[in-house]
mmCIF file of all heavy atoms, coordinates in Angstrom:
data_MODEL
# 
_entry.id   MODEL 
# 
loop_
_atom_site.group_PDB 
_atom_site.id 
_atom_site.type_symbol 
_atom_site.label_atom_id 
_atom_site.label_alt_id 
_atom_site.label_comp_id 
_atom_site.label_asym_id 
_atom_site.label_entity_id 
_atom_site.label_seq_id 
_atom_site.pdbx_PDB_ins_code 
_atom_site.Cartn_x 
_atom_site.Cartn_y 
_atom_site.Cartn_z 
_atom_site.occupancy 
_atom_site.B_iso_or_equiv 
_atom_site.pdbx_formal_charge 
_atom_site.auth_seq_id 
_atom_site.auth_comp_id 
_atom_site.auth_asym_id 
_atom_site.auth_atom_id 
_atom_site.pdbx_PDB_model_num 
ATOM 1   N N   . LEU A 1 1  ? -32.761 1.043   43.052 1.00 0.00 ? 1  LEU A N   1 
ATOM 2   C CA  . LEU A 1 1  ? -33.186 1.945   44.115 1.00 0.00 ? 1  LEU A CA  1 
ATOM 3   C C   . LEU A 1 1  ? -34.001 3.105   43.549 1.00 0.00 ? 1  LEU A C   1 
ATOM 4   O O   . LEU A 1 1  ? -33.850 3.463   42.376 1.00 0.00 ? 1  LEU A O   1 
ATOM 5   C CB  . LEU A 1 1  ? -31.969 2.489   44.859 1.00 0.00 ? 1  LEU A CB  1 
ATOM 6   C CG  . LEU A 1 1  ? -31.088 1.453   45.561 1.00 0.00 ? 1  LEU A CG  1 
ATOM 7   C CD1 . LEU A 1 1  ? -29.861 2.118   46.161 1.00 0.00 ? 1  LEU A CD1 1 
ATOM 8   C CD2 . LEU A 1 1  ? -31.873 0.711   46.630 1.00 0.00 ? 1  LEU A CD2 1 
ATOM 9   N N   . PRO A 1 2  ? -34.883 3.707   44.352 1.00 0.00 ? 2  PRO A N   1 
ATOM 10  C CA  . PRO A 1 2  ? -35.734 4.797   43.862 1.00 0.00 ? 2  PRO A CA  1 
ATOM 11  C C   . PRO A 1 2  ? -34.954 5.952   43.234 1.00 0.00 ? 2  PRO A C   1 
ATOM 12  O O   . PRO A 1 2  ? -35.308 6.433   42.156 1.00 0.00 ? 2  PRO A O   1 
ATOM 13  C CB  . PRO A 1 2  ? -36.489 5.242   45.122 1.00 0.00 ? 2  PRO A CB  1 
ATOM 14  C CG  . PRO A 1 2  ? -36.530 4.033   45.976 1.00 0.00 ? 2  PRO A CG  1 
ATOM 15  C CD  . PRO A 1 2  ? -35.242 3.333   45.745 1.00 0.00 ? 2  PRO A CD  1 
ATOM 16  N N   . ASN A 1 3  ? -33.891 6.390   43.910 1.00 0.00 ? 3  ASN A N   1 
ATOM 17  C CA  . ASN A 1 3  ? -33.129 7.516   43.351 1.00 0.00 ? 3  ASN A CA  1 
ATOM 18  C C   . ASN A 1 3  ? -32.391 7.127   42.074 1.00 0.00 ? 3  ASN A C   1 
ATOM 19  O O   . ASN A 1 3  ? -32.191 7.955   41.180 1.00 0.00 ? 3  ASN A O   1 
ATOM 20  C CB  . ASN A 1 3  ? -32.159 8.083   44.389 1.00 0.00 ? 3  ASN A CB  1 
ATOM 21  C CG  . ASN A 1 3  ? -31.131 7.067   44.854 1.00 0.00 ? 3  ASN A CG  1 
ATOM 22  O OD1 . ASN A 1 3  ? -31.366 5.869   44.819 1.00 0.00 ? 3  ASN A OD1 1 
ATOM 23  N ND2 . ASN A 1 3  ? -29.980 7.547   45.305 1.00 0.00 ? 3  ASN A ND2 1 
ATOM 24  N N   . GLU A 1 4  ? -31.999 5.856   41.960 1.00 0.00 ? 4  GLU A N   1 
ATOM 25  C CA  . GLU A 1 4  ? -31.348 5.381   40.738 1.00 0.00 ? 4  GLU A CA  1 
ATOM 26  C C   . GLU A 1 4  ? -32.321 5.401   39.561 1.00 0.00 ? 4  GLU A C   1 
ATOM 27  O O   . GLU A 1 4  ? -31.960 5.819   38.453 1.00 0.00 ? 4  GLU A O   1 
ATOM 28  C CB  . GLU A 1 4  ? -30.807 3.965   40.933 1.00 0.00 ? 4  GLU A CB  1 
ATOM 29  C CG  . GLU A 1 4  ? -29.642 3.865   41.889 1.00 0.00 ? 4  GLU A CG  1 
ATOM 30  C CD  . GLU A 1 4  ? -29.205 2.440   42.133 1.00 0.00 ? 4  GLU A CD  1 
ATOM 31  O OE1 . GLU A 1 4  ? -30.062 1.527   42.046 1.00 0.00 ? 4  GLU A OE1 1 
ATOM 32  O OE2 . GLU A 1 4  ? -28.023 2.226   42.414 1.00 0.00 ? 4  GLU A OE2 1 
ATOM 33  N N   . LEU A 1 5  ? -33.547 4.962   39.817 1.00 0.00 ? 5  LEU A N   1 
ATOM 34  C CA  . LEU A 1 5  ? -34.529 4.918   38.737 1.00 0.00 ? 5  LEU A CA  1 
ATOM 35  C C   . LEU A 1 5  ? -34.889 6.332   38.282 1.00 0.00 ? 5  LEU A C   1 
ATOM 36  O O   . LEU A 1 5  ? -35.035 6.593   37.080 1.00 0.00 ? 5  LEU A O   1 
ATOM 37  C CB  . LEU A 1 5  ? -35.784 4.169   39.195 1.00 0.00 ? 5  LEU A CB  1 
ATOM 38  C CG  . LEU A 1 5  ? -36.826 3.887   38.118 1.00 0.00 ? 5  LEU A CG  1 
ATOM 39  C CD1 . LEU A 1 5  ? -36.208 3.159   36.928 1.00 0.00 ? 5  LEU A CD1 1 
ATOM 40  C CD2 . LEU A 1 5  ? -37.989 3.078   38.682 1.00 0.00 ? 5  LEU A CD2 1 
ATOM 41  N N   . ARG A 1 6  ? -35.025 7.247   39.215 1.00 0.00 ? 6  ARG A N   1 
ATOM 42  C CA  . ARG A 1 6  ? -35.300 8.640   38.846 1.00 0.00 ? 6  ARG A CA  1 
ATOM 43  C C   . ARG A 1 6  ? -34.131 9.217   38.038 1.00 0.00 ? 6  ARG A C   1 
ATOM 44  O O   . ARG A 1 6  ? -34.333 9.968   37.081 1.00 0.00 ? 6  ARG A O   1 
ATOM 45  C CB  . ARG A 1 6  ? -35.518 9.478   40.089 1.00 0.00 ? 6  ARG A CB  1 
ATOM 46  C CG  . ARG A 1 6  ? -36.934 9.502   40.581 1.00 0.00 ? 6  ARG A CG  1 
ATOM 47  C CD  . ARG A 1 6  ? -37.886 10.163  39.600 1.00 0.00 ? 6  ARG A CD  1 
ATOM 48  N NE  . ARG A 1 6  ? -39.136 10.532  40.247 1.00 0.00 ? 6  ARG A NE  1 
ATOM 49  C CZ  . ARG A 1 6  ? -40.177 11.012  39.630 1.00 0.00 ? 6  ARG A CZ  1 
ATOM 50  N NH1 . ARG A 1 6  ? -40.169 11.162  38.316 1.00 0.00 ? 6  ARG A NH1 1 
ATOM 51  N NH2 . ARG A 1 6  ? -41.276 11.333  40.291 1.00 0.00 ? 6  ARG A NH2 1 
ATOM 52  N N   . HIS A 1 7  ? -32.919 8.861   38.419 1.00 0.00 ? 7  HIS A N   1 
ATOM 53  C CA  . HIS A 1 7  ? -31.758 9.354   37.696 1.00 0.00 ? 7  HIS A CA  1 
ATOM 54  C C   . HIS A 1 7  ? -31.746 8.814   36.264 1.00 0.00 ? 7  HIS A C   1 
ATOM 55  O O   . HIS A 1 7  ? -31.453 9.563   35.313 1.00 0.00 ? 7  HIS A O   1 
ATOM 56  C CB  . HIS A 1 7  ? -30.476 8.950   38.414 1.00 0.00 ? 7  HIS A CB  1 
ATOM 57  C CG  . HIS A 1 7  ? -29.228 9.479   37.779 1.00 0.00 ? 7  HIS A CG  1 
ATOM 58  N ND1 . HIS A 1 7  ? -28.967 10.824  37.647 1.00 0.00 ? 7  HIS A ND1 1 
ATOM 59  C CD2 . HIS A 1 7  ? -28.176 8.842   37.202 1.00 0.00 ? 7  HIS A CD2 1 
ATOM 60  C CE1 . HIS A 1 7  ? -27.810 10.999  37.040 1.00 0.00 ? 7  HIS A CE1 1 
ATOM 61  N NE2 . HIS A 1 7  ? -27.305 9.812   36.756 1.00 0.00 ? 7  HIS A NE2 1 
ATOM 62  N N   . ILE A 1 8  ? -32.095 7.544   36.108 1.00 0.00 ? 8  ILE A N   1 
ATOM 63  C CA  . ILE A 1 8  ? -32.185 6.964   34.763 1.00 0.00 ? 8  ILE A CA  1 
ATOM 64  C C   . ILE A 1 8  ? -33.215 7.722   33.934 1.00 0.00 ? 8  ILE A C   1 
ATOM 65  O O   . ILE A 1 8  ? -32.990 8.036   32.758 1.00 0.00 ? 8  ILE A O   1 
ATOM 66  C CB  . ILE A 1 8  ? -32.557 5.469   34.859 1.00 0.00 ? 8  ILE A CB  1 
ATOM 67  C CG1 . ILE A 1 8  ? -31.394 4.670   35.432 1.00 0.00 ? 8  ILE A CG1 1 
ATOM 68  C CG2 . ILE A 1 8  ? -32.951 4.918   33.485 1.00 0.00 ? 8  ILE A CG2 1 
ATOM 69  C CD1 . ILE A 1 8  ? -31.739 3.232   35.744 1.00 0.00 ? 8  ILE A CD1 1 
ATOM 70  N N   . GLN A 1 9  ? -34.349 8.023   34.545 1.00 0.00 ? 9  GLN A N   1 
ATOM 71  C CA  . GLN A 1 9  ? -35.393 8.755   33.829 1.00 0.00 ? 9  GLN A CA  1 
ATOM 72  C C   . GLN A 1 9  ? -34.907 10.137  33.415 1.00 0.00 ? 9  GLN A C   1 
ATOM 73  O O   . GLN A 1 9  ? -35.183 10.594  32.302 1.00 0.00 ? 9  GLN A O   1 
ATOM 74  C CB  . GLN A 1 9  ? -36.640 8.872   34.704 1.00 0.00 ? 9  GLN A CB  1 
ATOM 75  C CG  . GLN A 1 9  ? -37.829 9.510   33.997 1.00 0.00 ? 9  GLN A CG  1 
ATOM 76  C CD  . GLN A 1 9  ? -39.087 9.515   34.844 1.00 0.00 ? 9  GLN A CD  1 
ATOM 77  O OE1 . GLN A 1 9  ? -39.018 9.446   36.066 1.00 0.00 ? 9  GLN A OE1 1 
ATOM 78  N NE2 . GLN A 1 9  ? -40.235 9.577   34.203 1.00 0.00 ? 9  GLN A NE2 1 
ATOM 79  N N   . GLU A 1 10 ? -34.166 10.786  34.286 1.00 0.00 ? 10 GLU A N   1 
ATOM 80  C CA  . GLU A 1 10 ? -33.689 12.135  33.992 1.00 0.00 ? 10 GLU A CA  1 
ATOM 81  C C   . GLU A 1 10 ? -32.658 12.157  32.864 1.00 0.00 ? 10 GLU A C   1 
ATOM 82  O O   . GLU A 1 10 ? -32.730 12.983  31.954 1.00 0.00 ? 10 GLU A O   1 
ATOM 83  C CB  . GLU A 1 10 ? -33.094 12.755  35.254 1.00 0.00 ? 10 GLU A CB  1 
ATOM 84  C CG  . GLU A 1 10 ? -34.145 13.108  36.295 1.00 0.00 ? 10 GLU A CG  1 
ATOM 85  C CD  . GLU A 1 10 ? -33.523 13.527  37.617 1.00 0.00 ? 10 GLU A CD  1 
ATOM 86  O OE1 . GLU A 1 10 ? -32.277 13.458  37.735 1.00 0.00 ? 10 GLU A OE1 1 
ATOM 87  O OE2 . GLU A 1 10 ? -34.272 13.912  38.528 1.00 0.00 ? 10 GLU A OE2 1 
ATOM 88  N N   . ILE A 1 11 ? -31.685 11.242  32.897 1.00 0.00 ? 11 ILE A N   1 
ATOM 89  C CA  . ILE A 1 11 ? -30.605 11.290  31.916 1.00 0.00 ? 11 ILE A CA  1 
ATOM 90  C C   . ILE A 1 11 ? -31.021 10.737  30.555 1.00 0.00 ? 11 ILE A C   1 
ATOM 91  O O   . ILE A 1 11 ? -30.363 11.004  29.546 1.00 0.00 ? 11 ILE A O   1 
ATOM 92  C CB  . ILE A 1 11 ? -29.341 10.555  32.420 1.00 0.00 ? 11 ILE A CB  1 
ATOM 93  C CG1 . ILE A 1 11 ? -29.605 9.059   32.591 1.00 0.00 ? 11 ILE A CG1 1 
ATOM 94  C CG2 . ILE A 1 11 ? -28.841 11.192  33.711 1.00 0.00 ? 11 ILE A CG2 1 
ATOM 95  C CD1 . ILE A 1 11 ? -28.367 8.265   32.971 1.00 0.00 ? 11 ILE A CD1 1 
ATOM 96  N N   . THR A 1 12 ? -32.112 9.955   30.525 1.00 0.00 ? 12 THR A N   1 
ATOM 97  C CA  . THR A 1 12 ? -32.590 9.423   29.243 1.00 0.00 ? 12 THR A CA  1 
ATOM 98  C C   . THR A 1 12 ? -33.819 10.151  28.725 1.00 0.00 ? 12 THR A C   1 
ATOM 99  O O   . THR A 1 12 ? -34.256 9.897   27.600 1.00 0.00 ? 12 THR A O   1 
ATOM 100 C CB  . THR A 1 12 ? -32.924 7.920   29.359 1.00 0.00 ? 12 THR A CB  1 
ATOM 101 O OG1 . THR A 1 12 ? -33.935 7.734   30.363 1.00 0.00 ? 12 THR A OG1 1 
ATOM 102 C CG2 . THR A 1 12 ? -31.689 7.121   29.723 1.00 0.00 ? 12 THR A CG2 1 
ATOM 103 N N   . ALA A 1 13 ? -34.393 11.042  29.552 1.00 0.00 ? 13 ALA A N   1 
ATOM 104 C CA  . ALA A 1 13 ? -35.578 11.829  29.177 1.00 0.00 ? 13 ALA A CA  1 
ATOM 105 C C   . ALA A 1 13 ? -36.765 10.947  28.795 1.00 0.00 ? 13 ALA A C   1 
ATOM 106 O O   . ALA A 1 13 ? -37.530 11.278  27.889 1.00 0.00 ? 13 ALA A O   1 
ATOM 107 C CB  . ALA A 1 13 ? -35.246 12.789  28.032 1.00 0.00 ? 13 ALA A CB  1 
ATOM 108 N N   . VAL A 1 14 ? -36.952 9.818   29.491 1.00 0.00 ? 14 VAL A N   1 
ATOM 109 C CA  . VAL A 1 14 ? -38.106 8.964   29.252 1.00 0.00 ? 14 VAL A CA  1 
ATOM 110 C C   . VAL A 1 14 ? -39.334 9.628   29.880 1.00 0.00 ? 14 VAL A C   1 
ATOM 111 O O   . VAL A 1 14 ? -39.335 9.887   31.085 1.00 0.00 ? 14 VAL A O   1 
ATOM 112 C CB  . VAL A 1 14 ? -37.904 7.560   29.855 1.00 0.00 ? 14 VAL A CB  1 
ATOM 113 C CG1 . VAL A 1 14 ? -39.121 6.686   29.607 1.00 0.00 ? 14 VAL A CG1 1 
ATOM 114 C CG2 . VAL A 1 14 ? -36.674 6.906   29.271 1.00 0.00 ? 14 VAL A CG2 1 
ATOM 115 N N   . PRO A 1 15 ? -40.381 9.905   29.100 1.00 0.00 ? 15 PRO A N   1 
ATOM 116 C CA  . PRO A 1 15 ? -41.535 10.636  29.635 1.00 0.00 ? 15 PRO A CA  1 
ATOM 117 C C   . PRO A 1 15 ? -42.299 9.913   30.738 1.00 0.00 ? 15 PRO A C   1 
ATOM 118 O O   . PRO A 1 15 ? -42.897 10.554  31.595 1.00 0.00 ? 15 PRO A O   1 
ATOM 119 C CB  . PRO A 1 15 ? -42.429 10.837  28.405 1.00 0.00 ? 15 PRO A CB  1 
ATOM 120 C CG  . PRO A 1 15 ? -41.501 10.750  27.236 1.00 0.00 ? 15 PRO A CG  1 
ATOM 121 C CD  . PRO A 1 15 ? -40.479 9.733   27.635 1.00 0.00 ? 15 PRO A CD  1 
ATOM 122 N N   . LEU A 1 16 ? -42.300 8.567   30.719 1.00 0.00 ? 16 LEU A N   1 
ATOM 123 C CA  . LEU A 1 16 ? -43.096 7.810   31.689 1.00 0.00 ? 16 LEU A CA  1 
ATOM 124 C C   . LEU A 1 16 ? -42.332 6.581   32.153 1.00 0.00 ? 16 LEU A C   1 
ATOM 125 O O   . LEU A 1 16 ? -41.821 5.816   31.337 1.00 0.00 ? 16 LEU A O   1 
ATOM 126 C CB  . LEU A 1 16 ? -44.426 7.381   31.076 1.00 0.00 ? 16 LEU A CB  1 
ATOM 127 C CG  . LEU A 1 16 ? -45.318 6.454   31.910 1.00 0.00 ? 16 LEU A CG  1 
ATOM 128 C CD1 . LEU A 1 16 ? -45.764 7.128   33.196 1.00 0.00 ? 16 LEU A CD1 1 
ATOM 129 C CD2 . LEU A 1 16 ? -46.525 5.987   31.105 1.00 0.00 ? 16 LEU A CD2 1 
ATOM 130 N N   . VAL A 1 17 ? -42.284 6.378   33.471 1.00 0.00 ? 17 VAL A N   1 
ATOM 131 C CA  . VAL A 1 17 ? -41.689 5.175   34.055 1.00 0.00 ? 17 VAL A CA  1 
ATOM 132 C C   . VAL A 1 17 ? -42.708 4.556   35.007 1.00 0.00 ? 17 VAL A C   1 
ATOM 133 O O   . VAL A 1 17 ? -43.290 5.252   35.847 1.00 0.00 ? 17 VAL A O   1 
ATOM 134 C CB  . VAL A 1 17 ? -40.390 5.491   34.816 1.00 0.00 ? 17 VAL A CB  1 
ATOM 135 C CG1 . VAL A 1 17 ? -39.877 4.240   35.537 1.00 0.00 ? 17 VAL A CG1 1 
ATOM 136 C CG2 . VAL A 1 17 ? -39.327 6.019   33.858 1.00 0.00 ? 17 VAL A CG2 1 
ATOM 137 N N   . ILE A 1 18 ? -42.926 3.253   34.840 1.00 0.00 ? 18 ILE A N   1 
ATOM 138 C CA  . ILE A 1 18 ? -43.852 2.508   35.693 1.00 0.00 ? 18 ILE A CA  1 
ATOM 139 C C   . ILE A 1 18 ? -43.094 1.332   36.317 1.00 0.00 ? 18 ILE A C   1 
ATOM 140 O O   . ILE A 1 18 ? -42.292 0.671   35.653 1.00 0.00 ? 18 ILE A O   1 
ATOM 141 C CB  . ILE A 1 18 ? -45.044 1.957   34.875 1.00 0.00 ? 18 ILE A CB  1 
ATOM 142 C CG1 . ILE A 1 18 ? -45.863 3.095   34.275 1.00 0.00 ? 18 ILE A CG1 1 
ATOM 143 C CG2 . ILE A 1 18 ? -45.935 1.072   35.752 1.00 0.00 ? 18 ILE A CG2 1 
ATOM 144 C CD1 . ILE A 1 18 ? -46.562 3.960   35.281 1.00 0.00 ? 18 ILE A CD1 1 
ATOM 145 N N   . GLY A 1 19 ? -43.360 1.063   37.589 1.00 0.00 ? 19 GLY A N   1 
ATOM 146 C CA  . GLY A 1 19 ? -42.778 -0.095  38.255 1.00 0.00 ? 19 GLY A CA  1 
ATOM 147 C C   . GLY A 1 19 ? -43.833 -0.843  39.047 1.00 0.00 ? 19 GLY A C   1 
ATOM 148 O O   . GLY A 1 19 ? -44.798 -0.239  39.529 1.00 0.00 ? 19 GLY A O   1 
ATOM 149 N N   . THR A 1 20 ? -43.679 -2.155  39.165 1.00 0.00 ? 20 THR A N   1 
ATOM 150 C CA  . THR A 1 20 ? -44.625 -2.961  39.940 1.00 0.00 ? 20 THR A CA  1 
ATOM 151 C C   . THR A 1 20 ? -43.988 -3.393  41.260 1.00 0.00 ? 20 THR A C   1 
ATOM 152 O O   . THR A 1 20 ? -42.767 -3.551  41.361 1.00 0.00 ? 20 THR A O   1 
ATOM 153 C CB  . THR A 1 20 ? -45.075 -4.217  39.171 1.00 0.00 ? 20 THR A CB  1 
ATOM 154 O OG1 . THR A 1 20 ? -43.973 -5.120  39.022 1.00 0.00 ? 20 THR A OG1 1 
ATOM 155 C CG2 . THR A 1 20 ? -45.618 -3.842  37.797 1.00 0.00 ? 20 THR A CG2 1 
ATOM 156 N N   . LEU A 1 21 ? -44.849 -3.556  42.270 1.00 0.00 ? 21 LEU A N   1 
ATOM 157 C CA  . LEU A 1 21 ? -44.418 -4.017  43.587 1.00 0.00 ? 21 LEU A CA  1 
ATOM 158 C C   . LEU A 1 21 ? -45.406 -5.047  44.122 1.00 0.00 ? 21 LEU A C   1 
ATOM 159 O O   . LEU A 1 21 ? -46.619 -4.928  43.904 1.00 0.00 ? 21 LEU A O   1 
ATOM 160 C CB  . LEU A 1 21 ? -44.341 -2.850  44.579 1.00 0.00 ? 21 LEU A CB  1 
ATOM 161 C CG  . LEU A 1 21 ? -43.168 -1.868  44.468 1.00 0.00 ? 21 LEU A CG  1 
ATOM 162 C CD1 . LEU A 1 21 ? -43.385 -0.717  45.442 1.00 0.00 ? 21 LEU A CD1 1 
ATOM 163 C CD2 . LEU A 1 21 ? -41.848 -2.563  44.746 1.00 0.00 ? 21 LEU A CD2 1 
ATOM 164 N N   . GLN A 1 22 ? -44.894 -6.049  44.829 1.00 0.00 ? 22 GLN A N   1 
ATOM 165 C CA  . GLN A 1 22 ? -45.746 -6.974  45.560 1.00 0.00 ? 22 GLN A CA  1 
ATOM 166 C C   . GLN A 1 22 ? -46.238 -6.287  46.830 1.00 0.00 ? 22 GLN A C   1 
ATOM 167 O O   . GLN A 1 22 ? -45.880 -5.144  47.114 1.00 0.00 ? 22 GLN A O   1 
ATOM 168 C CB  . GLN A 1 22 ? -44.957 -8.247  45.910 1.00 0.00 ? 22 GLN A CB  1 
ATOM 169 C CG  . GLN A 1 22 ? -44.480 -9.043  44.713 1.00 0.00 ? 22 GLN A CG  1 
ATOM 170 C CD  . GLN A 1 22 ? -45.609 -9.843  44.076 1.00 0.00 ? 22 GLN A CD  1 
ATOM 171 O OE1 . GLN A 1 22 ? -46.747 -9.843  44.548 1.00 0.00 ? 22 GLN A OE1 1 
ATOM 172 N NE2 . GLN A 1 22 ? -45.300 -10.530 42.982 1.00 0.00 ? 22 GLN A NE2 1 
ATOM 173 N N   . ILE A 1 23 ? -47.059 -6.976  47.618 1.00 0.00 ? 23 ILE A N   1 
ATOM 174 C CA  . ILE A 1 23 ? -47.534 -6.416  48.881 1.00 0.00 ? 23 ILE A CA  1 
ATOM 175 C C   . ILE A 1 23 ? -47.028 -7.237  50.060 1.00 0.00 ? 23 ILE A C   1 
ATOM 176 O O   . ILE A 1 23 ? -46.648 -8.404  49.919 1.00 0.00 ? 23 ILE A O   1 
ATOM 177 C CB  . ILE A 1 23 ? -49.073 -6.333  48.937 1.00 0.00 ? 23 ILE A CB  1 
ATOM 178 C CG1 . ILE A 1 23 ? -49.702 -7.735  48.840 1.00 0.00 ? 23 ILE A CG1 1 
ATOM 179 C CG2 . ILE A 1 23 ? -49.608 -5.428  47.862 1.00 0.00 ? 23 ILE A CG2 1 
ATOM 180 C CD1 . ILE A 1 23 ? -51.191 -7.748  49.117 1.00 0.00 ? 23 ILE A CD1 1 
ATOM 181 N N   . THR A 1 24 ? -47.027 -6.595  51.220 1.00 0.00 ? 24 THR A N   1 
ATOM 182 C CA  . THR A 1 24 ? -46.660 -7.271  52.458 1.00 0.00 ? 24 THR A CA  1 
ATOM 183 C C   . THR A 1 24 ? -47.889 -7.988  53.031 1.00 0.00 ? 24 THR A C   1 
ATOM 184 O O   . THR A 1 24 ? -48.996 -7.887  52.500 1.00 0.00 ? 24 THR A O   1 
ATOM 185 C CB  . THR A 1 24 ? -46.151 -6.247  53.487 1.00 0.00 ? 24 THR A CB  1 
ATOM 186 O OG1 . THR A 1 24 ? -47.241 -5.360  53.815 1.00 0.00 ? 24 THR A OG1 1 
ATOM 187 C CG2 . THR A 1 24 ? -44.998 -5.437  52.917 1.00 0.00 ? 24 THR A CG2 1 
ATOM 188 N N   . LYS A 1 25 ? -47.703 -8.677  54.147 1.00 0.00 ? 25 LYS A N   1 
ATOM 189 C CA  . LYS A 1 25 ? -48.824 -9.334  54.809 1.00 0.00 ? 25 LYS A CA  1 
ATOM 190 C C   . LYS A 1 25 ? -49.862 -8.329  55.289 1.00 0.00 ? 25 LYS A C   1 
ATOM 191 O O   . LYS A 1 25 ? -51.039 -8.664  55.442 1.00 0.00 ? 25 LYS A O   1 
ATOM 192 C CB  . LYS A 1 25 ? -48.319 -10.175 55.984 1.00 0.00 ? 25 LYS A CB  1 
ATOM 193 C CG  . LYS A 1 25 ? -47.483 -11.384 55.559 1.00 0.00 ? 25 LYS A CG  1 
ATOM 194 C CD  . LYS A 1 25 ? -47.022 -12.183 56.761 1.00 0.00 ? 25 LYS A CD  1 
ATOM 195 C CE  . LYS A 1 25 ? -46.213 -13.399 56.326 1.00 0.00 ? 25 LYS A CE  1 
ATOM 196 N NZ  . LYS A 1 25 ? -45.723 -14.192 57.488 1.00 0.00 ? 25 LYS A NZ  1 
# 
């Protein structure tokens, strides 16, 4: 989930996080 990923970034101090998404019709 979005808030989970942000939390991971905060507690690990990773400077950059990138995620990919498919598209809808």
